[in-house]
Amino acid sequence: MTKSTRLRTGTTLVIAATLIGLLWVSSTFAGTRIYVQIAPPVPIVETVPVAPSPAHVWIAGYHRWDGRVYVWVPGHYVVPPHAHWHWVAGHWSHHHAHGYYWVEGHWRH
């Protein structure tokens, strides 16, 4: 094996190991909950405007944690990804030992 072949093989192995590591890290963090010790504020009562079309669904606003404080994310209309799907709203859940964590909203059929 020549020096340039060994170098290419070594470089390929380093790149492959890095990609595998990145995939592992991203999948690990994807399931990680961020706990907040401060309870979320009461949701703001929004006035829901008229839908742009009969196909649009209202996604209610919510408080998100920005790392320091809760920030209100206003509600908005969206078109479901498929006919007859409905939105299950995200919500803050409480763990007795760790605090509050966000459960993402999602589409259900």
PDB file of N, CA and C in Angstrom:
ATOM      1  N   MET A   1       0.860  -1.176   0.000  1.00  0.00           N
ATOM      2  CA  MET A   1       0.000   0.000   0.000  1.00  0.00           C
ATOM      3  C   MET A   1       0.901   1.233   0.000  1.00  0.00           C
ATOM      4  N   THR A   2       0.648   2.163  -0.881  1.00  0.00           N
ATOM      5  CA  THR A   2       1.474   3.358  -0.981  1.00  0.00           C
ATOM      6  C   THR A   2       1.077   4.355   0.103  1.00  0.00           C
ATOM      7  N   LYS A   3       1.934   5.311   0.295  1.00  0.00           N
ATOM      8  CA  LYS A   3       1.690   6.341   1.308  1.00  0.00           C
ATOM      9  C   LYS A   3       0.414   7.121   0.999  1.00  0.00           C
ATOM     10  N   SER A   4       0.162   7.473  -0.270  1.00  0.00           N
ATOM     11  CA  SER A   4      -1.038   8.239  -0.633  1.00  0.00           C
ATOM     12  C   SER A   4      -2.300   7.399  -0.441  1.00  0.00           C
ATOM     13  N   THR A   5      -2.221   6.087  -0.675  1.00  0.00           N
ATOM     14  CA  THR A   5      -3.382   5.208  -0.464  1.00  0.00           C
ATOM     15  C   THR A   5      -3.695   5.120   1.030  1.00  0.00           C
ATOM     16  N   ARG A   6      -2.652   4.990   1.851  1.00  0.00           N
ATOM     17  CA  ARG A   6      -2.860   4.950   3.312  1.00  0.00           C
ATOM     18  C   ARG A   6      -3.461   6.256   3.800  1.00  0.00           C
ATOM     19  N   LEU A   7      -3.000   7.372   3.266  1.00  0.00           N
ATOM     20  CA  LEU A   7      -3.511   8.680   3.654  1.00  0.00           C
ATOM     21  C   LEU A   7      -4.989   8.817   3.297  1.00  0.00           C
ATOM     22  N   ARG A   8      -5.354   8.396   2.063  1.00  0.00           N
ATOM     23  CA  ARG A   8      -6.769   8.453   1.647  1.00  0.00           C
ATOM     24  C   ARG A   8      -7.627   7.546   2.517  1.00  0.00           C
ATOM     25  N   THR A   9      -7.126   6.341   2.809  1.00  0.00           N
ATOM     26  CA  THR A   9      -7.872   5.397   3.642  1.00  0.00           C
ATOM     27  C   THR A   9      -8.050   5.968   5.048  1.00  0.00           C
ATOM     28  N   GLY A  10      -6.995   6.530   5.598  1.00  0.00           N
ATOM     29  CA  GLY A  10      -7.069   7.130   6.933  1.00  0.00           C
ATOM     30  C   GLY A  10      -8.037   8.300   6.972  1.00  0.00           C
ATOM     31  N   THR A  11      -7.985   9.143   5.954  1.00  0.00           N
ATOM     32  CA  THR A  11      -8.893  10.287   5.874  1.00  0.00           C
ATOM     33  C   THR A  11     -10.338   9.818   5.755  1.00  0.00           C
ATOM     34  N   THR A  12     -10.585   8.797   4.953  1.00  0.00           N
ATOM     35  CA  THR A  12     -11.932   8.251   4.796  1.00  0.00           C
ATOM     36  C   THR A  12     -12.447   7.701   6.121  1.00  0.00           C
ATOM     37  N   LEU A  13     -11.590   6.999   6.848  1.00  0.00           N
ATOM     38  CA  LEU A  13     -12.000   6.448   8.147  1.00  0.00           C
ATOM     39  C   LEU A  13     -12.325   7.558   9.155  1.00  0.00           C
ATOM     40  N   VAL A  14     -11.533   8.611   9.160  1.00  0.00           N
ATOM     41  CA  VAL A  14     -11.790   9.735  10.067  1.00  0.00           C
ATOM     42  C   VAL A  14     -13.123  10.405   9.722  1.00  0.00           C
ATOM     43  N   ILE A  15     -13.368  10.614   8.443  1.00  0.00           N
ATOM     44  CA  ILE A  15     -14.635  11.231   8.024  1.00  0.00           C
ATOM     45  C   ILE A  15     -15.805  10.338   8.389  1.00  0.00           C
ATOM     46  N   ALA A  16     -15.688   9.035   8.143  1.00  0.00           N
ATOM     47  CA  ALA A  16     -16.771   8.102   8.477  1.00  0.00           C
ATOM     48  C   ALA A  16     -17.035   8.095   9.980  1.00  0.00           C
ATOM     49  N   ALA A  17     -15.993   8.060  10.784  1.00  0.00           N
ATOM     50  CA  ALA A  17     -16.153   8.062  12.243  1.00  0.00           C
ATOM     51  C   ALA A  17     -16.812   9.355  12.714  1.00  0.00           C
ATOM     52  N   THR A  18     -16.432  10.471  12.106  1.00  0.00           N
ATOM     53  CA  THR A  18     -17.031  11.762  12.468  1.00  0.00           C
ATOM     54  C   THR A  18     -18.515  11.774  12.146  1.00  0.00           C
ATOM     55  N   LEU A  19     -18.888  11.306  10.963  1.00  0.00           N
ATOM     56  CA  LEU A  19     -20.304  11.274  10.578  1.00  0.00           C
ATOM     57  C   LEU A  19     -21.112  10.368  11.505  1.00  0.00           C
ATOM     58  N   ILE A  20     -20.567   9.216  11.834  1.00  0.00           N
ATOM     59  CA  ILE A  20     -21.264   8.308  12.757  1.00  0.00           C
ATOM     60  C   ILE A  20     -21.426   8.984  14.119  1.00  0.00           C
ATOM     61  N   GLY A  21     -20.383   9.649  14.574  1.00  0.00           N
ATOM     62  CA  GLY A  21     -20.464  10.367  15.848  1.00  0.00           C
ATOM     63  C   GLY A  21     -21.517  11.458  15.828  1.00  0.00           C
ATOM     64  N   LEU A  22     -21.580  12.210  14.728  1.00  0.00           N
ATOM     65  CA  LEU A  22     -22.579  13.271  14.618  1.00  0.00           C
ATOM     66  C   LEU A  22     -23.989  12.703  14.613  1.00  0.00           C
ATOM     67  N   LEU A  23     -24.202  11.597  13.911  1.00  0.00           N
ATOM     68  CA  LEU A  23     -25.519  10.958  13.908  1.00  0.00           C
ATOM     69  C   LEU A  23     -25.903  10.509  15.308  1.00  0.00           C
ATOM     70  N   TRP A  24     -24.959   9.940  16.047  1.00  0.00           N
ATOM     71  CA  TRP A  24     -25.236   9.482  17.407  1.00  0.00           C
ATOM     72  C   TRP A  24     -25.578  10.668  18.304  1.00  0.00           C
ATOM     73  N   VAL A  25     -24.796  11.740  18.211  1.00  0.00           N
ATOM     74  CA  VAL A  25     -25.044  12.912  19.041  1.00  0.00           C
ATOM     75  C   VAL A  25     -26.396  13.522  18.713  1.00  0.00           C
ATOM     76  N   SER A  26     -26.726  13.684  17.423  1.00  0.00           N
ATOM     77  CA  SER A  26     -27.991  14.319  17.062  1.00  0.00           C
ATOM     78  C   SER A  26     -29.168  13.462  17.504  1.00  0.00           C
ATOM     79  N   SER A  27     -29.069  12.128  17.409  1.00  0.00           N
ATOM     80  CA  SER A  27     -30.174  11.288  17.853  1.00  0.00           C
ATOM     81  C   SER A  27     -30.291  11.301  19.370  1.00  0.00           C
ATOM     82  N   THR A  28     -29.168  11.448  20.063  1.00  0.00           N
ATOM     83  CA  THR A  28     -29.200  11.525  21.519  1.00  0.00           C
ATOM     84  C   THR A  28     -29.910  12.800  21.956  1.00  0.00           C
ATOM     85  N   PHE A  29     -29.556  13.931  21.339  1.00  0.00           N
ATOM     86  CA  PHE A  29     -30.169  15.193  21.734  1.00  0.00           C
ATOM     87  C   PHE A  29     -31.617  15.306  21.281  1.00  0.00           C
ATOM     88  N   ALA A  30     -31.989  14.604  20.226  1.00  0.00           N
ATOM     89  CA  ALA A  30     -33.368  14.678  19.733  1.00  0.00           C
ATOM     90  C   ALA A  30     -34.350  14.203  20.794  1.00  0.00           C
ATOM     91  N   GLY A  31     -33.961  13.252  21.632  1.00  0.00           N
ATOM     92  CA  GLY A  31     -34.849  12.732  22.657  1.00  0.00           C
ATOM     93  C   GLY A  31     -34.640  13.374  24.017  1.00  0.00           C
ATOM     94  N   THR A  32     -33.788  14.378  24.110  1.00  0.00           N
ATOM     95  CA  THR A  32     -33.474  15.004  25.381  1.00  0.00           C
ATOM     96  C   THR A  32     -34.529  16.040  25.754  1.00  0.00           C
ATOM     97  N   ARG A  33     -34.991  15.958  26.986  1.00  0.00           N
ATOM     98  CA  ARG A  33     -35.929  16.969  27.482  1.00  0.00           C
ATOM     99  C   ARG A  33     -35.159  18.083  28.168  1.00  0.00           C
ATOM    100  N   ILE A  34     -35.629  19.288  27.955  1.00  0.00           N
ATOM    101  CA  ILE A  34     -35.105  20.442  28.677  1.00  0.00           C
ATOM    102  C   ILE A  34     -36.100  20.736  29.783  1.00  0.00           C
ATOM    103  N   TYR A  35     -35.643  20.688  31.011  1.00  0.00           N
ATOM    104  CA  TYR A  35     -36.523  20.958  32.154  1.00  0.00           C
ATOM    105  C   TYR A  35     -36.370  22.401  32.597  1.00  0.00           C
ATOM    106  N   VAL A  36     -37.493  23.005  32.939  1.00  0.00           N
ATOM    107  CA  VAL A  36     -37.534  24.386  33.405  1.00  0.00           C
ATOM    108  C   VAL A  36     -38.117  24.373  34.810  1.00  0.00           C
ATOM    109  N   GLN A  37     -37.454  25.019  35.737  1.00  0.00           N
ATOM    110  CA  GLN A  37     -37.910  25.012  37.128  1.00  0.00           C
ATOM    111  C   GLN A  37     -39.079  25.967  37.373  1.00  0.00           C
ATOM    112  N   ILE A  38     -39.260  26.927  36.489  1.00  0.00           N
ATOM    113  CA  ILE A  38     -40.325  27.927  36.633  1.00  0.00           C
ATOM    114  C   ILE A  38     -41.550  27.458  35.856  1.00  0.00           C
ATOM    115  N   ALA A  39     -42.706  27.476  36.494  1.00  0.00           N
ATOM    116  CA  ALA A  39     -43.944  27.068  35.815  1.00  0.00           C
ATOM    117  C   ALA A  39     -44.246  28.023  34.661  1.00  0.00           C
ATOM    118  N   PRO A  40     -44.782  27.494  33.567  1.00  0.00           N
ATOM    119  CA  PRO A  40     -45.134  28.372  32.447  1.00  0.00           C
ATOM    120  C   PRO A  40     -46.302  29.275  32.821  1.00  0.00           C
ATOM    121  N   PRO A  41     -46.354  30.471  32.237  1.00  0.00           N
ATOM    122  CA  PRO A  41     -47.487  31.362  32.486  1.00  0.00           C
ATOM    123  C   PRO A  41     -48.779  30.762  31.926  1.00  0.00           C
ATOM    124  N   VAL A  42     -49.874  31.290  32.384  1.00  0.00           N
ATOM    125  CA  VAL A  42     -51.173  30.897  31.845  1.00  0.00           C
ATOM    126  C   VAL A  42     -51.205  31.312  30.376  1.00  0.00           C
ATOM    127  N   PRO A  43     -51.690  30.446  29.488  1.00  0.00           N
ATOM    128  CA  PRO A  43     -51.743  30.823  28.070  1.00  0.00           C
ATOM    129  C   PRO A  43     -52.542  32.107  27.850  1.00  0.00           C
ATOM    130  N   ILE A  44     -52.118  32.871  26.894  1.00  0.00           N
ATOM    131  CA  ILE A  44     -52.805  34.111  26.539  1.00  0.00           C
ATOM    132  C   ILE A  44     -54.052  33.749  25.730  1.00  0.00           C
ATOM    133  N   VAL A  45     -55.151  34.385  26.057  1.00  0.00           N
ATOM    134  CA  VAL A  45     -56.392  34.158  25.309  1.00  0.00           C
ATOM    135  C   VAL A  45     -56.283  34.927  23.999  1.00  0.00           C
ATOM    136  N   GLU A  46     -56.344  34.201  22.897  1.00  0.00           N
ATOM    137  CA  GLU A  46     -56.205  34.815  21.585  1.00  0.00           C
ATOM    138  C   GLU A  46     -57.562  34.956  20.910  1.00  0.00           C
ATOM    139  N   THR A  47     -57.705  36.007  20.159  1.00  0.00           N
ATOM    140  CA  THR A  47     -58.871  36.153  19.299  1.00  0.00           C
ATOM    141  C   THR A  47     -58.525  35.469  17.989  1.00  0.00           C
ATOM    142  N   VAL A  48     -59.264  34.425  17.677  1.00  0.00           N
ATOM    143  CA  VAL A  48     -58.965  33.646  16.466  1.00  0.00           C
ATOM    144  C   VAL A  48     -59.590  34.340  15.266  1.00  0.00           C
ATOM    145  N   PRO A  49     -58.763  34.764  14.312  1.00  0.00           N
ATOM    146  CA  PRO A  49     -59.312  35.430  13.135  1.00  0.00           C
ATOM    147  C   PRO A  49     -60.027  34.429  12.217  1.00  0.00           C
ATOM    148  N   VAL A  50     -60.742  34.964  11.258  1.00  0.00           N
ATOM    149  CA  VAL A  50     -61.436  34.136  10.280  1.00  0.00           C
ATOM    150  C   VAL A  50     -60.389  33.363   9.472  1.00  0.00           C
ATOM    151  N   ALA A  51     -60.644  32.089   9.245  1.00  0.00           N
ATOM    152  CA  ALA A  51     -59.707  31.235   8.506  1.00  0.00           C
ATOM    153  C   ALA A  51     -59.567  31.704   7.059  1.00  0.00           C
ATOM    154  N   PRO A  52     -58.357  31.609   6.519  1.00  0.00           N
ATOM    155  CA  PRO A  52     -58.150  32.000   5.122  1.00  0.00           C
ATOM    156  C   PRO A  52     -58.925  31.118   4.142  1.00  0.00           C
ATOM    157  N   SER A  53     -59.197  29.871   4.552  1.00  0.00           N
ATOM    158  CA  SER A  53     -59.969  28.955   3.705  1.00  0.00           C
ATOM    159  C   SER A  53     -60.539  27.855   4.600  1.00  0.00           C
ATOM    160  N   PRO A  54     -61.510  27.103   4.103  1.00  0.00           N
ATOM    161  CA  PRO A  54     -62.056  25.994   4.893  1.00  0.00           C
ATOM    162  C   PRO A  54     -61.017  24.904   5.188  1.00  0.00           C
ATOM    163  N   ALA A  55     -59.948  24.860   4.422  1.00  0.00           N
ATOM    164  CA  ALA A  55     -58.921  23.839   4.624  1.00  0.00           C
ATOM    165  C   ALA A  55     -57.969  24.177   5.776  1.00  0.00           C
ATOM    166  N   HIS A  56     -57.921  25.434   6.195  1.00  0.00           N
ATOM    167  CA  HIS A  56     -56.981  25.860   7.232  1.00  0.00           C
ATOM    168  C   HIS A  56     -57.443  25.450   8.631  1.00  0.00           C
ATOM    169  N   VAL A  57     -56.443  25.137   9.477  1.00  0.00           N
ATOM    170  CA  VAL A  57     -56.672  24.752  10.868  1.00  0.00           C
ATOM    171  C   VAL A  57     -55.909  25.725  11.757  1.00  0.00           C
ATOM    172  N   TRP A  58     -56.547  26.140  12.850  1.00  0.00           N
ATOM    173  CA  TRP A  58     -55.903  27.066  13.787  1.00  0.00           C
ATOM    174  C   TRP A  58     -54.971  26.301  14.720  1.00  0.00           C
ATOM    175  N   ILE A  59     -53.735  26.743  14.820  1.00  0.00           N
ATOM    176  CA  ILE A  59     -52.757  26.216  15.772  1.00  0.00           C
ATOM    177  C   ILE A  59     -52.623  27.291  16.850  1.00  0.00           C
ATOM    178  N   ALA A  60     -53.082  26.998  18.050  1.00  0.00           N
ATOM    179  CA  ALA A  60     -53.096  27.987  19.131  1.00  0.00           C
ATOM    180  C   ALA A  60     -51.680  28.379  19.544  1.00  0.00           C
ATOM    181  N   GLY A  61     -51.568  29.583  20.061  1.00  0.00           N
ATOM    182  CA  GLY A  61     -50.291  30.071  20.556  1.00  0.00           C
ATOM    183  C   GLY A  61     -49.881  29.349  21.832  1.00  0.00           C
ATOM    184  N   TYR A  62     -48.628  29.511  22.198  1.00  0.00           N
ATOM    185  CA  TYR A  62     -48.097  28.854  23.392  1.00  0.00           C
ATOM    186  C   TYR A  62     -46.877  29.621  23.898  1.00  0.00           C
ATOM    187  N   HIS A  63     -46.511  29.345  25.127  1.00  0.00           N
ATOM    188  CA  HIS A  63     -45.288  29.911  25.688  1.00  0.00           C
ATOM    189  C   HIS A  63     -44.138  28.944  25.438  1.00  0.00           C
ATOM    190  N   ARG A  64     -43.061  29.456  24.858  1.00  0.00           N
ATOM    191  CA  ARG A  64     -41.854  28.637  24.702  1.00  0.00           C
ATOM    192  C   ARG A  64     -40.780  29.182  25.644  1.00  0.00           C
ATOM    193  N   TRP A  65     -39.874  28.329  26.045  1.00  0.00           N
ATOM    194  CA  TRP A  65     -38.772  28.721  26.917  1.00  0.00           C
ATOM    195  C   TRP A  65     -37.576  29.083  26.040  1.00  0.00           C
ATOM    196  N   ASP A  66     -37.024  30.295  26.225  1.00  0.00           N
ATOM    197  CA  ASP A  66     -35.894  30.702  25.382  1.00  0.00           C
ATOM    198  C   ASP A  66     -34.543  30.520  26.078  1.00  0.00           C
ATOM    199  N   GLY A  67     -34.562  29.844  27.224  1.00  0.00           N
ATOM    200  CA  GLY A  67     -33.328  29.638  27.979  1.00  0.00           C
ATOM    201  C   GLY A  67     -33.220  30.548  29.183  1.00  0.00           C
ATOM    202  N   ARG A  68     -34.030  31.615  29.199  1.00  0.00           N
ATOM    203  CA  ARG A  68     -34.036  32.551  30.329  1.00  0.00           C
ATOM    204  C   ARG A  68     -35.444  32.863  30.798  1.00  0.00           C
ATOM    205  N   VAL A  69     -36.352  33.071  29.843  1.00  0.00           N
ATOM    206  CA  VAL A  69     -37.735  33.445  30.151  1.00  0.00           C
ATOM    207  C   VAL A  69     -38.685  32.761  29.172  1.00  0.00           C
ATOM    208  N   TYR A  70     -39.962  32.755  29.541  1.00  0.00           N
ATOM    209  CA  TYR A  70     -40.984  32.261  28.614  1.00  0.00           C
ATOM    210  C   TYR A  70     -41.323  33.369  27.625  1.00  0.00           C
ATOM    211  N   VAL A  71     -41.477  32.993  26.363  1.00  0.00           N
ATOM    212  CA  VAL A  71     -41.809  33.933  25.294  1.00  0.00           C
ATOM    213  C   VAL A  71     -43.068  33.419  24.609  1.00  0.00           C
ATOM    214  N   TRP A  72     -44.031  34.307  24.364  1.00  0.00           N
ATOM    215  CA  TRP A  72     -45.275  33.908  23.717  1.00  0.00           C
ATOM    216  C   TRP A  72     -45.072  33.753  22.209  1.00  0.00           C
ATOM    217  N   VAL A  73     -45.518  32.616  21.682  1.00  0.00           N
ATOM    218  CA  VAL A  73     -45.522  32.359  20.242  1.00  0.00           C
ATOM    219  C   VAL A  73     -46.981  32.434  19.808  1.00  0.00           C
ATOM    220  N   PRO A  74     -47.357  33.423  19.007  1.00  0.00           N
ATOM    221  CA  PRO A  74     -48.762  33.592  18.638  1.00  0.00           C
ATOM    222  C   PRO A  74     -49.293  32.425  17.802  1.00  0.00           C
ATOM    223  N   GLY A  75     -50.598  32.216  17.898  1.00  0.00           N
ATOM    224  CA  GLY A  75     -51.258  31.199  17.088  1.00  0.00           C
ATOM    225  C   GLY A  75     -51.278  31.597  15.627  1.00  0.00           C
ATOM    226  N   HIS A  76     -51.550  30.621  14.769  1.00  0.00           N
ATOM    227  CA  HIS A  76     -51.571  30.883  13.333  1.00  0.00           C
ATOM    228  C   HIS A  76     -52.344  29.761  12.629  1.00  0.00           C
ATOM    229  N   TYR A  77     -52.728  30.028  11.410  1.00  0.00           N
ATOM    230  CA  TYR A  77     -53.428  29.041  10.595  1.00  0.00           C
ATOM    231  C   TYR A  77     -52.431  28.264   9.736  1.00  0.00           C
ATOM    232  N   VAL A  78     -52.703  26.979   9.553  1.00  0.00           N
ATOM    233  CA  VAL A  78     -51.926  26.140   8.635  1.00  0.00           C
ATOM    234  C   VAL A  78     -52.882  25.195   7.923  1.00  0.00           C
ATOM    235  N   VAL A  79     -52.419  24.660   6.819  1.00  0.00           N
ATOM    236  CA  VAL A  79     -53.173  23.631   6.107  1.00  0.00           C
ATOM    237  C   VAL A  79     -52.593  22.284   6.554  1.00  0.00           C
ATOM    238  N   PRO A  80     -53.436  21.355   7.014  1.00  0.00           N
ATOM    239  CA  PRO A  80     -52.930  20.047   7.452  1.00  0.00           C
ATOM    240  C   PRO A  80     -52.159  19.340   6.333  1.00  0.00           C
ATOM    241  N   PRO A  81     -51.198  18.494   6.703  1.00  0.00           N
ATOM    242  CA  PRO A  81     -50.406  17.803   5.683  1.00  0.00           C
ATOM    243  C   PRO A  81     -51.224  16.803   4.869  1.00  0.00           C
ATOM    244  N   HIS A  82     -52.334  16.320   5.444  1.00  0.00           N
ATOM    245  CA  HIS A  82     -53.202  15.373   4.757  1.00  0.00           C
ATOM    246  C   HIS A  82     -54.647  15.668   5.142  1.00  0.00           C
ATOM    247  N   ALA A  83     -55.569  15.357   4.263  1.00  0.00           N
ATOM    248  CA  ALA A  83     -56.986  15.560   4.559  1.00  0.00           C
ATOM    249  C   ALA A  83     -57.387  14.746   5.787  1.00  0.00           C
ATOM    250  N   HIS A  84     -58.259  15.306   6.601  1.00  0.00           N
ATOM    251  CA  HIS A  84     -58.833  14.658   7.784  1.00  0.00           C
ATOM    252  C   HIS A  84     -57.856  14.471   8.944  1.00  0.00           C
ATOM    253  N   TRP A  85     -56.669  15.050   8.867  1.00  0.00           N
ATOM    254  CA  TRP A  85     -55.757  15.007  10.009  1.00  0.00           C
ATOM    255  C   TRP A  85     -56.127  16.155  10.940  1.00  0.00           C
ATOM    256  N   HIS A  86     -55.896  15.975  12.233  1.00  0.00           N
ATOM    257  CA  HIS A  86     -56.161  17.064  13.177  1.00  0.00           C
ATOM    258  C   HIS A  86     -54.927  17.313  14.034  1.00  0.00           C
ATOM    259  N   TRP A  87     -54.861  18.529  14.543  1.00  0.00           N
ATOM    260  CA  TRP A  87     -53.714  18.982  15.319  1.00  0.00           C
ATOM    261  C   TRP A  87     -53.897  18.631  16.785  1.00  0.00           C
ATOM    262  N   VAL A  88     -52.885  18.013  17.368  1.00  0.00           N
ATOM    263  CA  VAL A  88     -52.840  17.756  18.809  1.00  0.00           C
ATOM    264  C   VAL A  88     -51.891  18.813  19.366  1.00  0.00           C
ATOM    265  N   ALA A  89     -52.433  19.703  20.174  1.00  0.00           N
ATOM    266  CA  ALA A  89     -51.657  20.850  20.647  1.00  0.00           C
ATOM    267  C   ALA A  89     -50.502  20.433  21.556  1.00  0.00           C
ATOM    268  N   GLY A  90     -49.401  21.163  21.433  1.00  0.00           N
ATOM    269  CA  GLY A  90     -48.289  20.984  22.351  1.00  0.00           C
ATOM    270  C   GLY A  90     -48.691  21.499  23.723  1.00  0.00           C
ATOM    271  N   HIS A  91     -47.983  21.054  24.733  1.00  0.00           N
ATOM    272  CA  HIS A  91     -48.311  21.493  26.096  1.00  0.00           C
ATOM    273  C   HIS A  91     -47.115  21.312  27.031  1.00  0.00           C
ATOM    274  N   TRP A  92     -47.160  22.035  28.120  1.00  0.00           N
ATOM    275  CA  TRP A  92     -46.148  21.886  29.159  1.00  0.00           C
ATOM    276  C   TRP A  92     -46.602  20.796  30.113  1.00  0.00           C
ATOM    277  N   SER A  93     -45.713  19.889  30.404  1.00  0.00           N
ATOM    278  CA  SER A  93     -46.000  18.815  31.350  1.00  0.00           C
ATOM    279  C   SER A  93     -45.065  18.980  32.546  1.00  0.00           C
ATOM    280  N   HIS A  94     -45.464  18.449  33.688  1.00  0.00           N
ATOM    281  CA  HIS A  94     -44.665  18.609  34.899  1.00  0.00           C
ATOM    282  C   HIS A  94     -44.145  17.269  35.386  1.00  0.00           C
ATOM    283  N   HIS A  95     -42.858  17.220  35.685  1.00  0.00           N
ATOM    284  CA  HIS A  95     -42.230  16.055  36.307  1.00  0.00           C
ATOM    285  C   HIS A  95     -41.932  16.446  37.737  1.00  0.00           C
ATOM    286  N   HIS A  96     -42.403  15.646  38.692  1.00  0.00           N
ATOM    287  CA  HIS A  96     -42.307  16.022  40.105  1.00  0.00           C
ATOM    288  C   HIS A  96     -40.881  16.307  40.581  1.00  0.00           C
ATOM    289  N   ALA A  97     -39.878  15.656  40.003  1.00  0.00           N
ATOM    290  CA  ALA A  97     -38.509  15.842  40.474  1.00  0.00           C
ATOM    291  C   ALA A  97     -37.686  16.825  39.644  1.00  0.00           C
ATOM    292  N   HIS A  98     -38.066  17.028  38.369  1.00  0.00           N
ATOM    293  CA  HIS A  98     -37.201  17.822  37.486  1.00  0.00           C
ATOM    294  C   HIS A  98     -37.781  19.159  37.051  1.00  0.00           C
ATOM    295  N   GLY A  99     -39.073  19.320  37.074  1.00  0.00           N
ATOM    296  CA  GLY A  99     -39.677  20.579  36.646  1.00  0.00           C
ATOM    297  C   GLY A  99     -40.581  20.382  35.448  1.00  0.00           C
ATOM    298  N   TYR A 100     -40.682  21.416  34.639  1.00  0.00           N
ATOM    299  CA  TYR A 100     -41.596  21.443  33.494  1.00  0.00           C
ATOM    300  C   TYR A 100     -40.831  21.169  32.206  1.00  0.00           C
ATOM    301  N   TYR A 101     -41.479  20.466  31.284  1.00  0.00           N
ATOM    302  CA  TYR A 101     -40.875  20.210  29.984  1.00  0.00           C
ATOM    303  C   TYR A 101     -41.953  20.302  28.910  1.00  0.00           C
ATOM    304  N   TRP A 102     -41.522  20.689  27.713  1.00  0.00           N
ATOM    305  CA  TRP A 102     -42.427  20.909  26.590  1.00  0.00           C
ATOM    306  C   TRP A 102     -42.661  19.615  25.829  1.00  0.00           C
ATOM    307  N   VAL A 103     -43.934  19.322  25.553  1.00  0.00           N
ATOM    308  CA  VAL A 103     -44.321  18.192  24.713  1.00  0.00           C
ATOM    309  C   VAL A 103     -44.788  18.793  23.392  1.00  0.00           C
ATOM    310  N   GLU A 104     -44.076  18.497  22.315  1.00  0.00           N
ATOM    311  CA  GLU A 104     -44.371  19.082  21.001  1.00  0.00           C
ATOM    312  C   GLU A 104     -45.772  18.722  20.506  1.00  0.00           C
ATOM    313  N   GLY A 105     -46.404  19.684  19.825  1.00  0.00           N
ATOM    314  CA  GLY A 105     -47.644  19.411  19.141  1.00  0.00           C
ATOM    315  C   GLY A 105     -47.369  18.575  17.909  1.00  0.00           C
ATOM    316  N   HIS A 106     -48.403  17.877  17.406  1.00  0.00           N
ATOM    317  CA  HIS A 106     -48.190  17.027  16.236  1.00  0.00           C
ATOM    318  C   HIS A 106     -49.516  16.759  15.537  1.00  0.00           C
ATOM    319  N   TRP A 107     -49.414  16.295  14.304  1.00  0.00           N
ATOM    320  CA  TRP A 107     -50.589  15.942  13.518  1.00  0.00           C
ATOM    321  C   TRP A 107     -50.961  14.486  13.790  1.00  0.00           C
ATOM    322  N   ARG A 108     -52.257  14.224  13.860  1.00  0.00           N
ATOM    323  CA  ARG A 108     -52.760  12.859  14.053  1.00  0.00           C
ATOM    324  C   ARG A 108     -53.858  12.590  13.040  1.00  0.00           C
ATOM    325  N   HIS A 109     -53.899  11.366  12.537  1.00  0.00           N
ATOM    326  CA  HIS A 109     -54.946  10.998  11.586  1.00  0.00           C
ATOM    327  C   HIS A 109     -55.902   9.995  12.195  1.00  0.00           C
TER     328      HIS A 109
END
